[in-house]
Amino acid sequence: MDDMLGGRAIQHREVQSHESELFRGYFKHGIIYKKGGLESGFNHVETNNYNVCRLLHVKGKKNITATEVEIAWDNINKGDVFLLDLGKVIIQWNGPLSNRMERLKGLNLAQDIRDRERGGRAEIGIIEGEDEENSPGLMKAMEAVLGERRGELKEATSDVKADQAQLSSIKLYQ
């Protein structure tokens, strides 16, 4: 392509989880990191088959990211928002200490999954972490996938510390 454009093409490189502000600005609905990669290859995709089961961790204060994590209570904490995608049902679990922006971005992401990936055919349910008893049906669905919760949930890493850790881990190799 570079030859076809007479050498005028400019290439930029962005590293996953360390994207520049400019690059993130191109994705108004945010970036979702999905499991897989080079080893996963290209797979045949069936439409209207929603046998998906994934847990998305929504975290951040200024730069909010959603990352797919292993489905387990150990990965859920009090200070962040989590989306449990069960295919036809998307459950948003808001941690009691989660911030307003995480909750908003979590809802936007759930709506985006419903509308873009599921063609509007999924239902969205919201569980407030401090009022779980007010959503018994949704909690039952979560526990069917995650198992019964044992003990208290762990505290979350501070959003500021997470942003600083991300910035400090950036390295430039020559």
C-alpha atoms as a PDB file:
ATOM      1  CA  MET A   1       0.000   0.000   0.000  1.00  0.00           C
ATOM      2  CA  ASP A   2       2.933   2.254   0.751  1.00  0.00           C
ATOM      3  CA  ASP A   3       4.194   1.785  -2.825  1.00  0.00           C
ATOM      4  CA  MET A   4       0.731   2.497  -4.276  1.00  0.00           C
ATOM      5  CA  LEU A   5       0.600   5.812  -2.418  1.00  0.00           C
ATOM      6  CA  GLY A   6       4.070   6.803  -3.585  1.00  0.00           C
ATOM      7  CA  GLY A   7       5.616   6.375  -0.139  1.00  0.00           C
ATOM      8  CA  ARG A   8       3.311   8.965   1.416  1.00  0.00           C
ATOM      9  CA  ALA A   9       1.621   6.613   3.881  1.00  0.00           C
ATOM     10  CA  ILE A  10       2.454   7.228   7.534  1.00  0.00           C
ATOM     11  CA  GLN A  11       2.330   4.366   9.994  1.00  0.00           C
ATOM     12  CA  HIS A  12       1.730   4.641  13.722  1.00  0.00           C
ATOM     13  CA  ARG A  13       1.969   1.924  16.341  1.00  0.00           C
ATOM     14  CA  GLU A  14      -0.197   1.658  19.441  1.00  0.00           C
ATOM     15  CA  VAL A  15       0.348  -0.953  22.168  1.00  0.00           C
ATOM     16  CA  GLN A  16      -2.624  -2.612  23.864  1.00  0.00           C
ATOM     17  CA  SER A  17      -3.478  -1.056  27.245  1.00  0.00           C
ATOM     18  CA  HIS A  18      -1.001   1.789  26.585  1.00  0.00           C
ATOM     19  CA  GLU A  19      -2.789   3.699  23.830  1.00  0.00           C
ATOM     20  CA  SER A  20      -2.303   7.404  23.354  1.00  0.00           C
ATOM     21  CA  GLU A  21      -5.043   9.924  24.129  1.00  0.00           C
ATOM     22  CA  LEU A  22      -5.373  10.668  20.405  1.00  0.00           C
ATOM     23  CA  PHE A  23      -5.912   6.998  19.561  1.00  0.00           C
ATOM     24  CA  ARG A  24      -8.487   6.533  22.357  1.00  0.00           C
ATOM     25  CA  GLY A  25     -10.293   9.605  21.058  1.00  0.00           C
ATOM     26  CA  TYR A  26     -11.104   7.741  17.823  1.00  0.00           C
ATOM     27  CA  PHE A  27     -13.258   5.275  19.778  1.00  0.00           C
ATOM     28  CA  LYS A  28     -16.093   7.290  21.304  1.00  0.00           C
ATOM     29  CA  HIS A  29     -17.705   4.193  22.835  1.00  0.00           C
ATOM     30  CA  GLY A  30     -14.411   2.947  24.287  1.00  0.00           C
ATOM     31  CA  ILE A  31     -12.115   0.041  23.531  1.00  0.00           C
ATOM     32  CA  ILE A  32     -12.951  -3.513  24.541  1.00  0.00           C
ATOM     33  CA  TYR A  33     -10.111  -5.986  24.911  1.00  0.00           C
ATOM     34  CA  LYS A  34     -11.234  -9.486  23.990  1.00  0.00           C
ATOM     35  CA  LYS A  35      -9.543 -12.765  24.743  1.00  0.00           C
ATOM     36  CA  GLY A  36      -7.852 -14.520  21.883  1.00  0.00           C
ATOM     37  CA  GLY A  37      -5.144 -13.131  19.713  1.00  0.00           C
ATOM     38  CA  LEU A  38      -2.935 -14.644  17.090  1.00  0.00           C
ATOM     39  CA  GLU A  39      -3.382 -18.197  18.370  1.00  0.00           C
ATOM     40  CA  SER A  40      -7.179 -17.914  18.236  1.00  0.00           C
ATOM     41  CA  GLY A  41      -7.188 -17.560  14.439  1.00  0.00           C
ATOM     42  CA  PHE A  42     -10.263 -16.783  12.424  1.00  0.00           C
ATOM     43  CA  ASN A  43     -13.358 -18.692  13.419  1.00  0.00           C
ATOM     44  CA  HIS A  44     -16.676 -19.137  11.687  1.00  0.00           C
ATOM     45  CA  VAL A  45     -19.277 -16.881  13.285  1.00  0.00           C
ATOM     46  CA  GLU A  46     -22.894 -17.944  13.658  1.00  0.00           C
ATOM     47  CA  THR A  47     -25.462 -15.155  13.734  1.00  0.00           C
ATOM     48  CA  ASN A  48     -28.152 -15.024  16.423  1.00  0.00           C
ATOM     49  CA  ASN A  49     -26.218 -17.545  18.529  1.00  0.00           C
ATOM     50  CA  TYR A  50     -25.549 -15.881  21.864  1.00  0.00           C
ATOM     51  CA  ASN A  51     -23.959 -18.676  23.869  1.00  0.00           C
ATOM     52  CA  VAL A  52     -21.481 -16.176  25.215  1.00  0.00           C
ATOM     53  CA  CYS A  53     -20.393 -16.047  28.801  1.00  0.00           C
ATOM     54  CA  ARG A  54     -17.864 -13.381  29.717  1.00  0.00           C
ATOM     55  CA  LEU A  55     -17.108 -10.970  32.524  1.00  0.00           C
ATOM     56  CA  LEU A  56     -16.019  -7.427  31.682  1.00  0.00           C
ATOM     57  CA  HIS A  57     -14.240  -5.249  34.258  1.00  0.00           C
ATOM     58  CA  VAL A  58     -14.973  -1.522  33.807  1.00  0.00           C
ATOM     59  CA  LYS A  59     -12.396   0.648  35.613  1.00  0.00           C
ATOM     60  CA  GLY A  60     -11.020   4.161  35.584  1.00  0.00           C
ATOM     61  CA  LYS A  61     -11.651   7.742  36.480  1.00  0.00           C
ATOM     62  CA  LYS A  62     -10.642   9.748  33.429  1.00  0.00           C
ATOM     63  CA  ASN A  63      -9.711   7.013  30.966  1.00  0.00           C
ATOM     64  CA  ILE A  64     -12.207   4.258  31.586  1.00  0.00           C
ATOM     65  CA  THR A  65     -11.352   0.855  30.148  1.00  0.00           C
ATOM     66  CA  ALA A  66     -13.259  -2.396  29.894  1.00  0.00           C
ATOM     67  CA  THR A  67     -11.204  -5.570  30.066  1.00  0.00           C
ATOM     68  CA  GLU A  68     -12.397  -9.142  29.859  1.00  0.00           C
ATOM     69  CA  VAL A  69     -11.421 -11.095  32.976  1.00  0.00           C
ATOM     70  CA  GLU A  70     -11.871 -14.669  34.131  1.00  0.00           C
ATOM     71  CA  ILE A  71     -15.360 -15.456  35.387  1.00  0.00           C
ATOM     72  CA  ALA A  72     -14.932 -15.755  39.163  1.00  0.00           C
ATOM     73  CA  TRP A  73     -15.940 -13.894  42.316  1.00  0.00           C
ATOM     74  CA  ASP A  74     -12.212 -13.385  43.010  1.00  0.00           C
ATOM     75  CA  ASN A  75     -12.067 -10.916  40.097  1.00  0.00           C
ATOM     76  CA  ILE A  76     -14.975  -8.793  41.379  1.00  0.00           C
ATOM     77  CA  ASN A  77     -14.249  -5.995  43.838  1.00  0.00           C
ATOM     78  CA  LYS A  78     -16.180  -3.277  45.659  1.00  0.00           C
ATOM     79  CA  GLY A  79     -14.843  -0.276  43.760  1.00  0.00           C
ATOM     80  CA  ASP A  80     -15.494  -1.057  40.094  1.00  0.00           C
ATOM     81  CA  VAL A  81     -18.286  -1.994  37.696  1.00  0.00           C
ATOM     82  CA  PHE A  82     -18.598  -5.462  36.170  1.00  0.00           C
ATOM     83  CA  LEU A  83     -20.675  -6.657  33.235  1.00  0.00           C
ATOM     84  CA  LEU A  84     -21.649 -10.326  33.129  1.00  0.00           C
ATOM     85  CA  ASP A  85     -22.590 -11.066  29.539  1.00  0.00           C
ATOM     86  CA  LEU A  86     -24.763 -14.176  29.383  1.00  0.00           C
ATOM     87  CA  GLY A  87     -25.854 -13.755  25.774  1.00  0.00           C
ATOM     88  CA  LYS A  88     -29.514 -12.852  26.031  1.00  0.00           C
ATOM     89  CA  VAL A  89     -29.047 -11.165  29.420  1.00  0.00           C
ATOM     90  CA  ILE A  90     -26.385  -8.621  30.340  1.00  0.00           C
ATOM     91  CA  ILE A  91     -26.029  -7.975  34.065  1.00  0.00           C
ATOM     92  CA  GLN A  92     -24.287  -4.820  35.255  1.00  0.00           C
ATOM     93  CA  TRP A  93     -23.012  -5.155  38.836  1.00  0.00           C
ATOM     94  CA  ASN A  94     -22.104  -1.753  40.308  1.00  0.00           C
ATOM     95  CA  GLY A  95     -19.667  -1.969  43.188  1.00  0.00           C
ATOM     96  CA  PRO A  96     -20.704   0.060  46.248  1.00  0.00           C
ATOM     97  CA  LEU A  97     -17.567   2.204  45.913  1.00  0.00           C
ATOM     98  CA  SER A  98     -17.630   2.565  42.111  1.00  0.00           C
ATOM     99  CA  ASN A  99     -17.671   6.075  40.710  1.00  0.00           C
ATOM    100  CA  ARG A 100     -20.383   7.705  38.638  1.00  0.00           C
ATOM    101  CA  MET A 101     -18.361   7.620  35.397  1.00  0.00           C
ATOM    102  CA  GLU A 102     -17.680   3.879  35.695  1.00  0.00           C
ATOM    103  CA  ARG A 103     -21.389   3.246  36.163  1.00  0.00           C
ATOM    104  CA  LEU A 104     -22.281   5.409  33.176  1.00  0.00           C
ATOM    105  CA  LYS A 105     -19.639   3.822  30.922  1.00  0.00           C
ATOM    106  CA  GLY A 106     -20.710   0.369  32.091  1.00  0.00           C
ATOM    107  CA  LEU A 107     -24.299   1.101  31.097  1.00  0.00           C
ATOM    108  CA  ASN A 108     -23.172   2.563  27.760  1.00  0.00           C
ATOM    109  CA  LEU A 109     -21.096  -0.547  27.099  1.00  0.00           C
ATOM    110  CA  ALA A 110     -23.992  -2.855  28.016  1.00  0.00           C
ATOM    111  CA  GLN A 111     -26.293  -0.928  25.668  1.00  0.00           C
ATOM    112  CA  ASP A 112     -23.645  -1.038  22.934  1.00  0.00           C
ATOM    113  CA  ILE A 113     -23.299  -4.820  23.279  1.00  0.00           C
ATOM    114  CA  ARG A 114     -27.077  -5.185  23.232  1.00  0.00           C
ATOM    115  CA  ASP A 115     -27.550  -2.971  20.186  1.00  0.00           C
ATOM    116  CA  ARG A 116     -24.482  -3.760  18.077  1.00  0.00           C
ATOM    117  CA  GLU A 117     -23.655  -7.371  18.907  1.00  0.00           C
ATOM    118  CA  ARG A 118     -27.130  -8.686  19.742  1.00  0.00           C
ATOM    119  CA  GLY A 119     -29.262  -6.564  17.424  1.00  0.00           C
ATOM    120  CA  GLY A 120     -31.324  -5.243  20.363  1.00  0.00           C
ATOM    121  CA  ARG A 121     -32.349  -8.756  21.461  1.00  0.00           C
ATOM    122  CA  ALA A 122     -30.675  -8.814  24.889  1.00  0.00           C
ATOM    123  CA  GLU A 123     -32.011  -7.574  28.209  1.00  0.00           C
ATOM    124  CA  ILE A 124     -29.964  -5.413  30.565  1.00  0.00           C
ATOM    125  CA  GLY A 125     -30.284  -5.774  34.327  1.00  0.00           C
ATOM    126  CA  ILE A 126     -28.540  -3.620  36.928  1.00  0.00           C
ATOM    127  CA  ILE A 127     -27.542  -4.720  40.419  1.00  0.00           C
ATOM    128  CA  GLU A 128     -26.417  -2.109  42.908  1.00  0.00           C
ATOM    129  CA  GLY A 129     -23.679  -3.705  45.014  1.00  0.00           C
ATOM    130  CA  GLU A 130     -25.004  -2.257  48.249  1.00  0.00           C
ATOM    131  CA  ASP A 131     -28.602  -3.371  47.534  1.00  0.00           C
ATOM    132  CA  GLU A 132     -28.187  -6.872  46.098  1.00  0.00           C
ATOM    133  CA  GLU A 133     -31.271  -8.137  47.939  1.00  0.00           C
ATOM    134  CA  ASN A 134     -33.442  -5.814  45.786  1.00  0.00           C
ATOM    135  CA  SER A 135     -32.467  -7.802  42.656  1.00  0.00           C
ATOM    136  CA  PRO A 136     -32.963 -11.450  43.660  1.00  0.00           C
ATOM    137  CA  GLY A 137     -33.556 -12.748  40.117  1.00  0.00           C
ATOM    138  CA  LEU A 138     -30.419 -11.126  38.732  1.00  0.00           C
ATOM    139  CA  MET A 139     -28.318 -12.243  41.696  1.00  0.00           C
ATOM    140  CA  LYS A 140     -29.574 -15.785  41.199  1.00  0.00           C
ATOM    141  CA  ALA A 141     -28.496 -15.628  37.537  1.00  0.00           C
ATOM    142  CA  MET A 142     -25.058 -14.314  38.569  1.00  0.00           C
ATOM    143  CA  GLU A 143     -24.606 -17.010  41.202  1.00  0.00           C
ATOM    144  CA  ALA A 144     -25.629 -19.680  38.675  1.00  0.00           C
ATOM    145  CA  VAL A 145     -22.559 -18.706  36.619  1.00  0.00           C
ATOM    146  CA  LEU A 146     -20.116 -17.505  39.293  1.00  0.00           C
ATOM    147  CA  GLY A 147     -21.113 -19.929  42.041  1.00  0.00           C
ATOM    148  CA  GLU A 148     -22.031 -18.943  45.565  1.00  0.00           C
ATOM    149  CA  ARG A 149     -20.011 -16.049  46.941  1.00  0.00           C
ATOM    150  CA  ARG A 150     -17.871 -16.913  49.925  1.00  0.00           C
ATOM    151  CA  GLY A 151     -16.887 -14.081  52.228  1.00  0.00           C
ATOM    152  CA  GLU A 152     -16.477 -10.390  51.525  1.00  0.00           C
ATOM    153  CA  LEU A 153     -15.377  -8.911  48.229  1.00  0.00           C
ATOM    154  CA  LYS A 154     -11.908  -7.391  48.127  1.00  0.00           C
ATOM    155  CA  GLU A 155     -11.211  -3.683  48.000  1.00  0.00           C
ATOM    156  CA  ALA A 156     -10.475  -2.170  44.599  1.00  0.00           C
ATOM    157  CA  THR A 157      -7.218  -0.649  43.468  1.00  0.00           C
ATOM    158  CA  SER A 158      -7.571   3.112  43.445  1.00  0.00           C
ATOM    159  CA  ASP A 159      -8.341   4.524  39.999  1.00  0.00           C
ATOM    160  CA  VAL A 160      -5.531   7.063  40.367  1.00  0.00           C
ATOM    161  CA  LYS A 161      -3.038   4.322  41.276  1.00  0.00           C
ATOM    162  CA  ALA A 162      -4.206   2.196  38.352  1.00  0.00           C
ATOM    163  CA  ASP A 163      -3.721   5.142  35.958  1.00  0.00           C
ATOM    164  CA  GLN A 164      -0.262   5.842  37.428  1.00  0.00           C
ATOM    165  CA  ALA A 165       0.717   2.162  37.187  1.00  0.00           C
ATOM    166  CA  GLN A 166      -0.340   2.120  33.551  1.00  0.00           C
ATOM    167  CA  LEU A 167       1.678   5.264  32.790  1.00  0.00           C
ATOM    168  CA  SER A 168       4.758   4.043  34.690  1.00  0.00           C
ATOM    169  CA  SER A 169       4.830   0.714  32.848  1.00  0.00           C
ATOM    170  CA  ILE A 170       5.284   2.375  29.453  1.00  0.00           C
ATOM    171  CA  LYS A 171       8.706   1.648  28.009  1.00  0.00           C
ATOM    172  CA  LEU A 172      10.384   2.773  24.817  1.00  0.00           C
ATOM    173  CA  TYR A 173      12.799   0.392  23.161  1.00  0.00           C
ATOM    174  CA  GLN A 174      15.234   1.453  20.494  1.00  0.00           C
END
